[in-house]
Amino acid sequence: MLREHGDWMDLGSADEQKPAKDGTVEAWGRSESNPIGGWYGLKKGLRGRFGMYVPPLMEHLGLAEVGHNARNNRMRVI
């Protein structure tokens, strides 16, 4: 998904109860078009915040570059 996007992409992390902003990493995590087919959590109430927790892991693994601002963070593929 990041390779297809090609540039910086907003993380857009949001709680499960709030809608994710279109075109963000969070929206992709919730989308039925991702490889898992939608929500990335199994138990309602414990899902959400894909855009907050997965990008730092990808950065640590050397798969992505992540901005470290106080707000409006984004990521891109390395």
PDB file of N, CA and C in Angstrom:
ATOM      1  N   MET A   1       0.828  -1.187   0.000  1.00  0.00           N
ATOM      2  CA  MET A   1       0.000   0.000   0.000  1.00  0.00           C
ATOM      3  C   MET A   1       0.869   1.246   0.000  1.00  0.00           C
ATOM      4  N   LEU A   2       1.915   1.276   0.831  1.00  0.00           N
ATOM      5  CA  LEU A   2       2.789   2.445   0.862  1.00  0.00           C
ATOM      6  C   LEU A   2       3.572   2.593  -0.434  1.00  0.00           C
ATOM      7  N   ARG A   3       4.002   1.492  -1.007  1.00  0.00           N
ATOM      8  CA  ARG A   3       4.728   1.559  -2.283  1.00  0.00           C
ATOM      9  C   ARG A   3       3.820   2.116  -3.385  1.00  0.00           C
ATOM     10  N   GLU A   4       2.572   1.690  -3.396  1.00  0.00           N
ATOM     11  CA  GLU A   4       1.621   2.193  -4.384  1.00  0.00           C
ATOM     12  C   GLU A   4       1.373   3.683  -4.201  1.00  0.00           C
ATOM     13  N   HIS A   5       1.307   4.129  -2.947  1.00  0.00           N
ATOM     14  CA  HIS A   5       1.078   5.549  -2.655  1.00  0.00           C
ATOM     15  C   HIS A   5       2.277   6.383  -3.097  1.00  0.00           C
ATOM     16  N   GLY A   6       3.489   5.891  -2.810  1.00  0.00           N
ATOM     17  CA  GLY A   6       4.700   6.497  -3.321  1.00  0.00           C
ATOM     18  C   GLY A   6       5.264   7.679  -2.566  1.00  0.00           C
ATOM     19  N   ASP A   7       4.531   8.317  -1.689  1.00  0.00           N
ATOM     20  CA  ASP A   7       5.025   9.492  -0.978  1.00  0.00           C
ATOM     21  C   ASP A   7       4.579   9.413   0.469  1.00  0.00           C
ATOM     22  N   TRP A   8       4.811  10.459   1.220  1.00  0.00           N
ATOM     23  CA  TRP A   8       4.381  10.493   2.615  1.00  0.00           C
ATOM     24  C   TRP A   8       2.871  10.302   2.704  1.00  0.00           C
ATOM     25  N   MET A   9       2.434   9.534   3.688  1.00  0.00           N
ATOM     26  CA  MET A   9       1.011   9.263   3.901  1.00  0.00           C
ATOM     27  C   MET A   9       0.688   9.544   5.367  1.00  0.00           C
ATOM     28  N   ASP A  10      -0.366  10.301   5.620  1.00  0.00           N
ATOM     29  CA  ASP A  10      -0.774  10.605   6.991  1.00  0.00           C
ATOM     30  C   ASP A  10      -1.154   9.330   7.728  1.00  0.00           C
ATOM     31  N   LEU A  11      -0.821   9.274   9.034  1.00  0.00           N
ATOM     32  CA  LEU A  11      -1.167   8.104   9.837  1.00  0.00           C
ATOM     33  C   LEU A  11      -2.652   8.095  10.171  1.00  0.00           C
ATOM     34  N   GLY A  12      -3.189   9.213  10.636  1.00  0.00           N
ATOM     35  CA  GLY A  12      -4.622   9.327  10.900  1.00  0.00           C
ATOM     36  C   GLY A  12      -5.156   8.397  11.958  1.00  0.00           C
ATOM     37  N   SER A  13      -4.386   8.105  12.996  1.00  0.00           N
ATOM     38  CA  SER A  13      -4.867   7.160  14.016  1.00  0.00           C
ATOM     39  C   SER A  13      -6.127   7.687  14.687  1.00  0.00           C
ATOM     40  N   ALA A  14      -7.085   6.807  14.907  1.00  0.00           N
ATOM     41  CA  ALA A  14      -8.363   7.176  15.514  1.00  0.00           C
ATOM     42  C   ALA A  14      -8.919   5.990  16.284  1.00  0.00           C
ATOM     43  N   ASP A  15      -9.658   6.294  17.331  1.00  0.00           N
ATOM     44  CA  ASP A  15     -10.330   5.243  18.092  1.00  0.00           C
ATOM     45  C   ASP A  15     -11.330   4.524  17.197  1.00  0.00           C
ATOM     46  N   GLU A  16     -11.690   3.339  17.608  1.00  0.00           N
ATOM     47  CA  GLU A  16     -12.639   2.517  16.865  1.00  0.00           C
ATOM     48  C   GLU A  16     -13.976   3.233  16.658  1.00  0.00           C
ATOM     49  N   GLN A  17     -14.404   4.009  17.630  1.00  0.00           N
ATOM     50  CA  GLN A  17     -15.702   4.661  17.550  1.00  0.00           C
ATOM     51  C   GLN A  17     -15.709   5.879  16.627  1.00  0.00           C
ATOM     52  N   LYS A  18     -14.540   6.373  16.242  1.00  0.00           N
ATOM     53  CA  LYS A  18     -14.447   7.551  15.387  1.00  0.00           C
ATOM     54  C   LYS A  18     -14.113   7.129  13.963  1.00  0.00           C
ATOM     55  N   PRO A  19     -14.651   7.831  12.974  1.00  0.00           N
ATOM     56  CA  PRO A  19     -14.322   7.492  11.591  1.00  0.00           C
ATOM     57  C   PRO A  19     -12.879   7.865  11.267  1.00  0.00           C
ATOM     58  N   ALA A  20     -12.229   7.078  10.435  1.00  0.00           N
ATOM     59  CA  ALA A  20     -10.865   7.371  10.007  1.00  0.00           C
ATOM     60  C   ALA A  20     -10.903   8.306   8.809  1.00  0.00           C
ATOM     61  N   LYS A  21      -9.979   9.251   8.779  1.00  0.00           N
ATOM     62  CA  LYS A  21      -9.883  10.195   7.665  1.00  0.00           C
ATOM     63  C   LYS A  21      -9.475   9.428   6.405  1.00  0.00           C
ATOM     64  N   ASP A  22     -10.134   9.699   5.288  1.00  0.00           N
ATOM     65  CA  ASP A  22      -9.830   9.031   4.019  1.00  0.00           C
ATOM     66  C   ASP A  22      -8.381   9.274   3.604  1.00  0.00           C
ATOM     67  N   GLY A  23      -7.773   8.259   3.011  1.00  0.00           N
ATOM     68  CA  GLY A  23      -6.428   8.379   2.496  1.00  0.00           C
ATOM     69  C   GLY A  23      -5.330   8.269   3.542  1.00  0.00           C
ATOM     70  N   THR A  24      -5.659   7.762   4.724  1.00  0.00           N
ATOM     71  CA  THR A  24      -4.670   7.614   5.790  1.00  0.00           C
ATOM     72  C   THR A  24      -4.340   6.146   6.018  1.00  0.00           C
ATOM     73  N   VAL A  25      -3.272   5.905   6.768  1.00  0.00           N
ATOM     74  CA  VAL A  25      -2.891   4.540   7.125  1.00  0.00           C
ATOM     75  C   VAL A  25      -4.018   3.900   7.944  1.00  0.00           C
ATOM     76  N   GLU A  26      -4.625   4.649   8.839  1.00  0.00           N
ATOM     77  CA  GLU A  26      -5.730   4.139   9.660  1.00  0.00           C
ATOM     78  C   GLU A  26      -6.903   3.706   8.780  1.00  0.00           C
ATOM     79  N   ALA A  27      -7.251   4.519   7.781  1.00  0.00           N
ATOM     80  CA  ALA A  27      -8.360   4.170   6.885  1.00  0.00           C
ATOM     81  C   ALA A  27      -8.054   2.882   6.122  1.00  0.00           C
ATOM     82  N   TRP A  28      -6.798   2.704   5.708  1.00  0.00           N
ATOM     83  CA  TRP A  28      -6.417   1.480   5.010  1.00  0.00           C
ATOM     84  C   TRP A  28      -6.560   0.272   5.940  1.00  0.00           C
ATOM     85  N   GLY A  29      -6.166   0.422   7.196  1.00  0.00           N
ATOM     86  CA  GLY A  29      -6.283  -0.678   8.148  1.00  0.00           C
ATOM     87  C   GLY A  29      -7.720  -1.116   8.371  1.00  0.00           C
ATOM     88  N   ARG A  30      -8.655  -0.203   8.219  1.00  0.00           N
ATOM     89  CA  ARG A  30     -10.077  -0.517   8.406  1.00  0.00           C
ATOM     90  C   ARG A  30     -10.760  -0.953   7.117  1.00  0.00           C
ATOM     91  N   SER A  31     -10.121  -0.744   5.989  1.00  0.00           N
ATOM     92  CA  SER A  31     -10.729  -0.994   4.691  1.00  0.00           C
ATOM     93  C   SER A  31     -10.884  -2.483   4.392  1.00  0.00           C
ATOM     94  N   GLU A  32     -11.959  -2.829   3.737  1.00  0.00           N
ATOM     95  CA  GLU A  32     -12.164  -4.218   3.321  1.00  0.00           C
ATOM     96  C   GLU A  32     -11.227  -4.609   2.189  1.00  0.00           C
ATOM     97  N   SER A  33     -10.539  -3.640   1.588  1.00  0.00           N
ATOM     98  CA  SER A  33      -9.624  -3.942   0.486  1.00  0.00           C
ATOM     99  C   SER A  33      -8.213  -4.291   0.961  1.00  0.00           C
ATOM    100  N   ASN A  34      -7.948  -4.230   2.270  1.00  0.00           N
ATOM    101  CA  ASN A  34      -6.610  -4.641   2.728  1.00  0.00           C
ATOM    102  C   ASN A  34      -6.552  -6.165   2.805  1.00  0.00           C
ATOM    103  N   PRO A  35      -5.358  -6.749   2.889  1.00  0.00           N
ATOM    104  CA  PRO A  35      -5.238  -8.214   2.846  1.00  0.00           C
ATOM    105  C   PRO A  35      -6.020  -8.961   3.933  1.00  0.00           C
ATOM    106  N   ILE A  36      -6.262  -8.338   5.058  1.00  0.00           N
ATOM    107  CA  ILE A  36      -7.001  -8.998   6.143  1.00  0.00           C
ATOM    108  C   ILE A  36      -8.507  -8.854   5.934  1.00  0.00           C
ATOM    109  N   GLY A  37      -8.900  -7.878   5.127  1.00  0.00           N
ATOM    110  CA  GLY A  37     -10.308  -7.723   4.787  1.00  0.00           C
ATOM    111  C   GLY A  37     -11.105  -6.860   5.739  1.00  0.00           C
ATOM    112  N   GLY A  38     -10.485  -5.862   6.312  1.00  0.00           N
ATOM    113  CA  GLY A  38     -11.228  -4.941   7.161  1.00  0.00           C
ATOM    114  C   GLY A  38     -10.580  -4.747   8.506  1.00  0.00           C
ATOM    115  N   TRP A  39     -11.389  -4.716   9.528  1.00  0.00           N
ATOM    116  CA  TRP A  39     -10.877  -4.436  10.870  1.00  0.00           C
ATOM    117  C   TRP A  39      -9.755  -5.385  11.238  1.00  0.00           C
ATOM    118  N   TYR A  40      -8.760  -4.852  11.873  1.00  0.00           N
ATOM    119  CA  TYR A  40      -7.545  -5.576  12.219  1.00  0.00           C
ATOM    120  C   TYR A  40      -7.532  -6.005  13.665  1.00  0.00           C
ATOM    121  N   GLY A  41      -8.653  -5.939  14.332  1.00  0.00           N
ATOM    122  CA  GLY A  41      -8.764  -6.407  15.707  1.00  0.00           C
ATOM    123  C   GLY A  41      -9.897  -7.397  15.811  1.00  0.00           C
ATOM    124  N   LEU A  42      -9.835  -8.286  16.761  1.00  0.00           N
ATOM    125  CA  LEU A  42     -10.856  -9.321  16.871  1.00  0.00           C
ATOM    126  C   LEU A  42     -11.996  -8.959  17.812  1.00  0.00           C
ATOM    127  N   LYS A  43     -11.715  -8.218  18.846  1.00  0.00           N
ATOM    128  CA  LYS A  43     -12.730  -7.949  19.845  1.00  0.00           C
ATOM    129  C   LYS A  43     -13.169  -6.491  19.796  1.00  0.00           C
ATOM    130  N   LYS A  44     -14.460  -6.284  19.635  1.00  0.00           N
ATOM    131  CA  LYS A  44     -14.992  -4.937  19.584  1.00  0.00           C
ATOM    132  C   LYS A  44     -14.631  -4.206  20.864  1.00  0.00           C
ATOM    133  N   GLY A  45     -14.228  -2.967  20.727  1.00  0.00           N
ATOM    134  CA  GLY A  45     -13.808  -2.167  21.868  1.00  0.00           C
ATOM    135  C   GLY A  45     -12.296  -2.169  22.052  1.00  0.00           C
ATOM    136  N   LEU A  46     -11.620  -3.159  21.478  1.00  0.00           N
ATOM    137  CA  LEU A  46     -10.164  -3.234  21.557  1.00  0.00           C
ATOM    138  C   LEU A  46      -9.525  -3.011  20.191  1.00  0.00           C
ATOM    139  N   ARG A  47     -10.333  -2.647  19.200  1.00  0.00           N
ATOM    140  CA  ARG A  47      -9.819  -2.394  17.861  1.00  0.00           C
ATOM    141  C   ARG A  47      -9.534  -0.903  17.714  1.00  0.00           C
ATOM    142  N   GLY A  48      -8.795  -0.561  16.715  1.00  0.00           N
ATOM    143  CA  GLY A  48      -8.530   0.838  16.420  1.00  0.00           C
ATOM    144  C   GLY A  48      -7.083   1.205  16.678  1.00  0.00           C
ATOM    145  N   ARG A  49      -6.730   2.386  16.226  1.00  0.00           N
ATOM    146  CA  ARG A  49      -5.387   2.936  16.395  1.00  0.00           C
ATOM    147  C   ARG A  49      -4.307   2.174  15.632  1.00  0.00           C
ATOM    148  N   PHE A  50      -4.675   1.550  14.528  1.00  0.00           N
ATOM    149  CA  PHE A  50      -3.707   0.890  13.644  1.00  0.00           C
ATOM    150  C   PHE A  50      -2.628   1.889  13.233  1.00  0.00           C
ATOM    151  N   GLY A  51      -3.049   3.121  12.924  1.00  0.00           N
ATOM    152  CA  GLY A  51      -2.125   4.161  12.481  1.00  0.00           C
ATOM    153  C   GLY A  51      -1.198   4.652  13.570  1.00  0.00           C
ATOM    154  N   MET A  52      -1.437   4.251  14.801  1.00  0.00           N
ATOM    155  CA  MET A  52      -0.570   4.663  15.905  1.00  0.00           C
ATOM    156  C   MET A  52       0.453   3.578  16.257  1.00  0.00           C
ATOM    157  N   TYR A  53       0.049   2.335  16.211  1.00  0.00           N
ATOM    158  CA  TYR A  53       0.893   1.259  16.706  1.00  0.00           C
ATOM    159  C   TYR A  53       1.714   0.529  15.648  1.00  0.00           C
ATOM    160  N   VAL A  54       1.225   0.380  14.444  1.00  0.00           N
ATOM    161  CA  VAL A  54       1.929  -0.378  13.417  1.00  0.00           C
ATOM    162  C   VAL A  54       3.087   0.410  12.783  1.00  0.00           C
ATOM    163  N   PRO A  55       2.950   1.694  12.471  1.00  0.00           N
ATOM    164  CA  PRO A  55       4.066   2.417  11.847  1.00  0.00           C
ATOM    165  C   PRO A  55       5.376   2.405  12.647  1.00  0.00           C
ATOM    166  N   PRO A  56       5.377   2.594  13.970  1.00  0.00           N
ATOM    167  CA  PRO A  56       6.657   2.509  14.687  1.00  0.00           C
ATOM    168  C   PRO A  56       7.308   1.126  14.586  1.00  0.00           C
ATOM    169  N   LEU A  57       6.497   0.087  14.558  1.00  0.00           N
ATOM    170  CA  LEU A  57       7.028  -1.264  14.384  1.00  0.00           C
ATOM    171  C   LEU A  57       7.678  -1.400  13.010  1.00  0.00           C
ATOM    172  N   MET A  58       7.005  -0.898  11.985  1.00  0.00           N
ATOM    173  CA  MET A  58       7.570  -0.953  10.638  1.00  0.00           C
ATOM    174  C   MET A  58       8.859  -0.144  10.559  1.00  0.00           C
ATOM    175  N   GLU A  59       8.913   0.978  11.265  1.00  0.00           N
ATOM    176  CA  GLU A  59      10.133   1.785  11.294  1.00  0.00           C
ATOM    177  C   GLU A  59      11.264   1.002  11.973  1.00  0.00           C
ATOM    178  N   HIS A  60      10.984   0.372  13.072  1.00  0.00           N
ATOM    179  CA  HIS A  60      11.985  -0.405  13.799  1.00  0.00           C
ATOM    180  C   HIS A  60      12.531  -1.557  12.946  1.00  0.00           C
ATOM    181  N   LEU A  61      11.684  -2.146  12.140  1.00  0.00           N
ATOM    182  CA  LEU A  61      12.090  -3.241  11.258  1.00  0.00           C
ATOM    183  C   LEU A  61      12.800  -2.754   9.994  1.00  0.00           C
ATOM    184  N   GLY A  62      12.880  -1.435   9.823  1.00  0.00           N
ATOM    185  CA  GLY A  62      13.549  -0.874   8.657  1.00  0.00           C
ATOM    186  C   GLY A  62      12.716  -0.893   7.395  1.00  0.00           C
ATOM    187  N   LEU A  63      11.406  -0.984   7.546  1.00  0.00           N
ATOM    188  CA  LEU A  63      10.512  -1.061   6.384  1.00  0.00           C
ATOM    189  C   LEU A  63       9.913   0.285   5.995  1.00  0.00           C
ATOM    190  N   ALA A  64       9.940   1.251   6.916  1.00  0.00           N
ATOM    191  CA  ALA A  64       9.306   2.535   6.649  1.00  0.00           C
ATOM    192  C   ALA A  64      10.012   3.640   7.426  1.00  0.00           C
ATOM    193  N   GLU A  65       9.801   4.860   6.975  1.00  0.00           N
ATOM    194  CA  GLU A  65      10.272   6.046   7.665  1.00  0.00           C
ATOM    195  C   GLU A  65       9.036   6.727   8.252  1.00  0.00           C
ATOM    196  N   VAL A  66       9.106   7.114   9.529  1.00  0.00           N
ATOM    197  CA  VAL A  66       7.962   7.697  10.214  1.00  0.00           C
ATOM    198  C   VAL A  66       8.349   9.061  10.772  1.00  0.00           C
ATOM    199  N   GLY A  67       7.479  10.065  10.584  1.00  0.00           N
ATOM    200  CA  GLY A  67       7.698  11.378  11.183  1.00  0.00           C
ATOM    201  C   GLY A  67       7.435  11.316  12.678  1.00  0.00           C
ATOM    202  N   HIS A  68       8.130  12.141  13.438  1.00  0.00           N
ATOM    203  CA  HIS A  68       7.975  12.134  14.893  1.00  0.00           C
ATOM    204  C   HIS A  68       7.610  13.526  15.390  1.00  0.00           C
ATOM    205  N   ASN A  69       6.525  14.049  14.872  1.00  0.00           N
ATOM    206  CA  ASN A  69       6.022  15.353  15.284  1.00  0.00           C
ATOM    207  C   ASN A  69       5.009  15.172  16.407  1.00  0.00           C
ATOM    208  N   ALA A  70       4.652  16.269  17.052  1.00  0.00           N
ATOM    209  CA  ALA A  70       3.642  16.204  18.111  1.00  0.00           C
ATOM    210  C   ALA A  70       2.266  15.866  17.542  1.00  0.00           C
ATOM    211  N   ARG A  71       1.983  16.296  16.324  1.00  0.00           N
ATOM    212  CA  ARG A  71       0.694  16.036  15.673  1.00  0.00           C
ATOM    213  C   ARG A  71       0.915  15.809  14.183  1.00  0.00           C
ATOM    214  N   ASN A  72      -0.115  15.251  13.546  1.00  0.00           N
ATOM    215  CA  ASN A  72      -0.130  15.074  12.096  1.00  0.00           C
ATOM    216  C   ASN A  72       1.086  14.313  11.559  1.00  0.00           C
ATOM    217  N   ASN A  73       1.404  13.189  12.171  1.00  0.00           N
ATOM    218  CA  ASN A  73       2.514  12.369  11.717  1.00  0.00           C
ATOM    219  C   ASN A  73       2.161  11.640  10.435  1.00  0.00           C
ATOM    220  N   ARG A  74       3.193  11.241   9.724  1.00  0.00           N
ATOM    221  CA  ARG A  74       3.017  10.531   8.465  1.00  0.00           C
ATOM    222  C   ARG A  74       4.154   9.561   8.283  1.00  0.00           C
ATOM    223  N   MET A  75       4.033   8.694   7.304  1.00  0.00           N
ATOM    224  CA  MET A  75       5.062   7.692   7.041  1.00  0.00           C
ATOM    225  C   MET A  75       5.212   7.491   5.550  1.00  0.00           C
ATOM    226  N   ARG A  76       6.328   6.869   5.180  1.00  0.00           N
ATOM    227  CA  ARG A  76       6.562   6.489   3.784  1.00  0.00           C
ATOM    228  C   ARG A  76       7.452   5.269   3.773  1.00  0.00           C
ATOM    229  N   VAL A  77       7.408   4.544   2.676  1.00  0.00           N
ATOM    230  CA  VAL A  77       8.221   3.346   2.513  1.00  0.00           C
ATOM    231  C   VAL A  77       9.672   3.779   2.265  1.00  0.00           C
ATOM    232  N   ILE A  78      10.595   2.982   2.740  1.00  0.00           N
ATOM    233  CA  ILE A  78      12.025   3.295   2.527  1.00  0.00           C
ATOM    234  C   ILE A  78      12.454   2.701   1.203  1.00  0.00           C
TER     235      ILE A  78
END
